[in-house]
Amino acid sequence: MADLTGKKILSLQTNRGVEQDELKVPLEKLREAGATVTVASQETGEIQSLVGDWDLGETFPVDQTIADVNESEYDLLLLPGGTLNADTLRLDEDAQKIAKAFASSGRPVASICHGPWLLVETGLVDGKTLTSYDSVKVDITNAGGTWVDEPMKRCPAKDWVLITSRNPGDLEPFVQAIKDELSA
């Protein structure tokens, strides 16, 4: 098992609409491995997750607002999916700045399902090979990325690593790739 003691992960999501397991499973597994995971959202309070973009899921406490995040303190950026979450987050200027700062500094970004929409919006998929929920494929290719249908894709192009997966069914290889990246 990877020891991620001392590693800091920043998870960005909105207060409503994140896909439950795409937040819950990485949080639990990465914390079990010793990482500190900060859950940042647009507002303080709680995050209301959804299951299948429809049914109410669990709630999660917000550690910090996205606007108050000092991104330089973190080793990896985590972008869970959920259609409502990802579509709202992609327009958040603070989230855009954070994503760009991670890429420009060469720190890894891990994104699952609809999560890559923030990376599409910021131009960060240009020249990258990645996967996502299949409905995001055209957005990725139109933004200059190469889309592949694989459970997990790690792309080191353009001097920063992007780890992506398609959906909650791919969480095991997704979380393992994050652990491998942070323990390398």
Protein backbone atom coordinates (compact mmCIF):
# COMPACT_ATOMS: atom_id res chain seq x y z
CA MET A 1 0.00 0.00 0.00
CA ALA A 2 1.27 3.46 -0.92
CA ASP A 3 2.19 5.71 1.98
CA LEU A 4 0.98 9.20 1.17
CA THR A 5 1.87 10.70 4.55
CA GLY A 6 2.76 14.34 4.06
CA LYS A 7 1.03 14.59 0.68
CA LYS A 8 -1.69 17.22 0.29
CA ILE A 9 -4.54 16.89 -2.18
CA LEU A 10 -7.02 19.62 -3.10
CA SER A 11 -10.47 18.46 -4.20
CA LEU A 12 -12.58 21.08 -6.02
CA GLN A 13 -16.34 20.74 -6.40
CA THR A 14 -19.48 22.81 -6.11
CA ASN A 15 -21.85 22.64 -3.16
CA ARG A 16 -24.40 20.62 -5.10
CA GLY A 17 -24.21 18.04 -7.82
CA VAL A 18 -20.92 16.20 -7.39
CA GLU A 19 -21.29 12.48 -8.10
CA GLN A 20 -21.27 10.89 -4.62
CA ASP A 21 -18.78 8.07 -5.15
CA GLU A 22 -16.42 10.20 -7.24
CA LEU A 23 -15.89 12.34 -4.14
CA LYS A 24 -16.40 9.77 -1.38
CA VAL A 25 -14.18 6.93 -2.64
CA PRO A 26 -11.07 9.03 -3.42
CA LEU A 27 -11.47 10.92 -0.12
CA GLU A 28 -11.64 7.69 1.89
CA LYS A 29 -8.93 5.79 0.02
CA LEU A 30 -6.44 8.66 -0.16
CA ARG A 31 -6.93 9.57 3.50
CA GLU A 32 -6.50 5.89 4.45
CA ALA A 33 -3.15 6.02 2.61
CA GLY A 34 -2.08 8.98 4.76
CA ALA A 35 -2.80 11.94 2.47
CA THR A 36 -4.41 15.13 3.70
CA VAL A 37 -7.36 15.88 1.42
CA THR A 38 -8.94 19.33 1.55
CA VAL A 39 -12.49 19.58 0.25
CA ALA A 40 -13.00 23.03 -1.27
CA SER A 41 -16.26 24.36 -2.61
CA GLN A 42 -17.81 27.67 -3.59
CA GLU A 43 -19.50 28.18 -0.23
CA THR A 44 -18.88 27.04 3.33
CA GLY A 45 -21.12 24.41 4.90
CA GLU A 46 -21.87 21.17 3.14
CA ILE A 47 -21.72 19.57 -0.25
CA GLN A 48 -24.88 17.79 -1.36
CA SER A 49 -23.80 14.94 -3.59
CA LEU A 50 -25.99 13.21 -6.14
CA VAL A 51 -26.13 9.60 -7.29
CA GLY A 52 -26.46 9.20 -11.03
CA ASP A 53 -26.93 12.97 -11.41
CA TRP A 54 -30.41 12.62 -9.95
CA ASP A 55 -30.94 11.02 -6.54
CA LEU A 56 -29.76 12.79 -3.41
CA GLY A 57 -26.59 11.25 -2.02
CA GLU A 58 -24.53 11.84 1.10
CA THR A 59 -23.41 15.24 2.31
CA PHE A 60 -19.77 16.14 2.90
CA PRO A 61 -18.33 18.98 4.97
CA VAL A 62 -16.55 21.81 3.18
CA ASP A 63 -13.07 22.47 4.57
CA GLN A 64 -12.45 25.72 2.72
CA THR A 65 -13.95 27.91 0.03
CA ILE A 66 -12.38 27.76 -3.44
CA ALA A 67 -11.77 31.52 -3.27
CA ASP A 68 -9.68 31.09 -0.09
CA VAL A 69 -7.50 28.23 -1.34
CA ASN A 70 -3.74 28.70 -1.48
CA GLU A 71 -3.13 26.23 -4.30
CA SER A 72 0.64 26.31 -3.85
CA GLU A 73 0.27 24.21 -0.67
CA TYR A 74 -0.99 21.15 -2.56
CA ASP A 75 0.67 18.28 -4.41
CA LEU A 76 -2.30 17.20 -6.58
CA LEU A 77 -5.60 18.64 -7.78
CA LEU A 78 -8.62 16.31 -7.74
CA LEU A 79 -11.66 17.11 -9.90
CA PRO A 80 -14.60 14.76 -9.31
CA GLY A 81 -17.48 14.68 -11.77
CA GLY A 82 -21.21 14.89 -11.72
CA THR A 83 -22.80 16.82 -14.57
CA LEU A 84 -24.26 19.69 -12.50
CA ASN A 85 -21.06 20.01 -10.46
CA ALA A 86 -18.68 20.02 -13.42
CA ASP A 87 -20.81 22.34 -15.55
CA THR A 88 -20.98 24.91 -12.74
CA LEU A 89 -17.33 24.55 -11.69
CA ARG A 90 -16.03 25.13 -15.22
CA LEU A 91 -17.29 28.74 -15.03
CA ASP A 92 -15.82 29.47 -11.59
CA GLU A 93 -12.92 31.91 -12.13
CA ASP A 94 -11.14 30.85 -8.93
CA ALA A 95 -11.32 27.18 -9.96
CA GLN A 96 -9.99 28.12 -13.41
CA LYS A 97 -7.02 29.94 -11.84
CA ILE A 98 -6.27 26.97 -9.59
CA ALA A 99 -6.34 24.47 -12.47
CA LYS A 100 -4.06 26.67 -14.57
CA ALA A 101 -1.64 27.11 -11.63
CA PHE A 102 -1.34 23.34 -11.16
CA ALA A 103 -0.60 22.75 -14.84
CA SER A 104 1.85 25.65 -15.18
CA SER A 105 3.79 24.50 -12.11
CA GLY A 106 3.96 20.88 -13.34
CA ARG A 107 1.84 19.42 -10.54
CA PRO A 108 -0.55 16.57 -11.38
CA VAL A 109 -4.28 16.89 -11.90
CA ALA A 110 -6.69 13.93 -11.55
CA SER A 111 -10.17 14.20 -13.03
CA ILE A 112 -13.01 11.73 -13.50
CA CYS A 113 -16.26 11.60 -15.47
CA HIS A 114 -17.45 15.15 -16.30
CA GLY A 115 -14.60 16.67 -14.24
CA PRO A 116 -12.48 17.46 -17.32
CA TRP A 117 -14.95 20.21 -18.31
CA LEU A 118 -12.92 22.63 -16.14
CA LEU A 119 -9.81 21.63 -18.09
CA VAL A 120 -11.67 22.09 -21.41
CA GLU A 121 -12.81 25.55 -20.31
CA THR A 122 -9.26 26.61 -19.37
CA GLY A 123 -7.61 25.24 -22.53
CA LEU A 124 -5.64 22.67 -20.54
CA VAL A 125 -6.73 19.62 -22.56
CA ASP A 126 -5.02 20.95 -25.70
CA GLY A 127 -2.27 18.46 -26.56
CA LYS A 128 -3.32 15.99 -23.84
CA THR A 129 -4.68 12.44 -24.20
CA LEU A 130 -7.44 11.70 -21.72
CA THR A 131 -10.66 9.91 -21.02
CA SER A 132 -13.93 11.07 -19.46
CA TYR A 133 -17.61 10.32 -19.45
CA ASP A 134 -18.40 9.66 -23.10
CA SER A 135 -20.63 12.74 -23.51
CA VAL A 136 -17.58 14.97 -22.87
CA LYS A 137 -15.64 13.42 -25.79
CA VAL A 138 -16.60 16.04 -28.39
CA ASP A 139 -15.81 18.90 -26.00
CA ILE A 140 -12.36 17.42 -25.37
CA THR A 141 -11.57 16.87 -29.04
CA ASN A 142 -12.89 20.32 -30.00
CA ALA A 143 -10.55 21.79 -27.36
CA GLY A 144 -7.52 20.06 -28.90
CA GLY A 145 -7.36 16.95 -26.72
CA THR A 146 -7.30 13.32 -27.79
CA TRP A 147 -10.07 11.24 -26.20
CA VAL A 148 -9.64 7.53 -25.48
CA ASP A 149 -12.12 4.99 -24.10
CA GLU A 150 -10.04 3.47 -21.29
CA PRO A 151 -10.72 2.94 -17.56
CA MET A 152 -7.77 5.20 -16.67
CA LYS A 153 -5.42 7.30 -18.72
CA ARG A 154 -2.21 8.95 -17.47
CA CYS A 155 -0.85 11.62 -19.80
CA PRO A 156 2.49 13.36 -19.04
CA ALA A 157 2.41 15.61 -22.14
CA LYS A 158 3.14 19.34 -21.87
CA ASP A 159 5.20 18.92 -18.66
CA TRP A 160 2.34 18.07 -16.29
CA VAL A 161 0.58 14.81 -15.54
CA LEU A 162 -3.15 14.41 -16.12
CA ILE A 163 -4.87 11.31 -14.71
CA THR A 164 -8.40 10.70 -15.97
CA SER A 165 -11.13 8.06 -15.73
CA ARG A 166 -14.57 7.64 -17.29
CA ASN A 167 -17.08 7.04 -14.48
CA PRO A 168 -17.61 5.61 -10.96
CA GLY A 169 -16.96 2.10 -12.31
CA ASP A 170 -13.34 3.16 -12.91
CA LEU A 171 -12.65 4.43 -9.40
CA GLU A 172 -10.27 1.60 -8.45
CA PRO A 173 -7.70 2.24 -11.24
CA PHE A 174 -8.27 6.02 -10.89
CA VAL A 175 -7.45 6.11 -7.18
CA GLN A 176 -4.53 3.69 -7.66
CA ALA A 177 -3.06 5.96 -10.34
CA ILE A 178 -3.27 8.93 -7.95
CA LYS A 179 -1.52 6.91 -5.24
CA ASP A 180 1.17 5.79 -7.69
CA GLU A 181 1.72 9.36 -8.89
CA LEU A 182 2.09 10.78 -5.40
CA SER A 183 4.34 7.99 -4.15
CA ALA A 184 6.67 8.02 -7.17
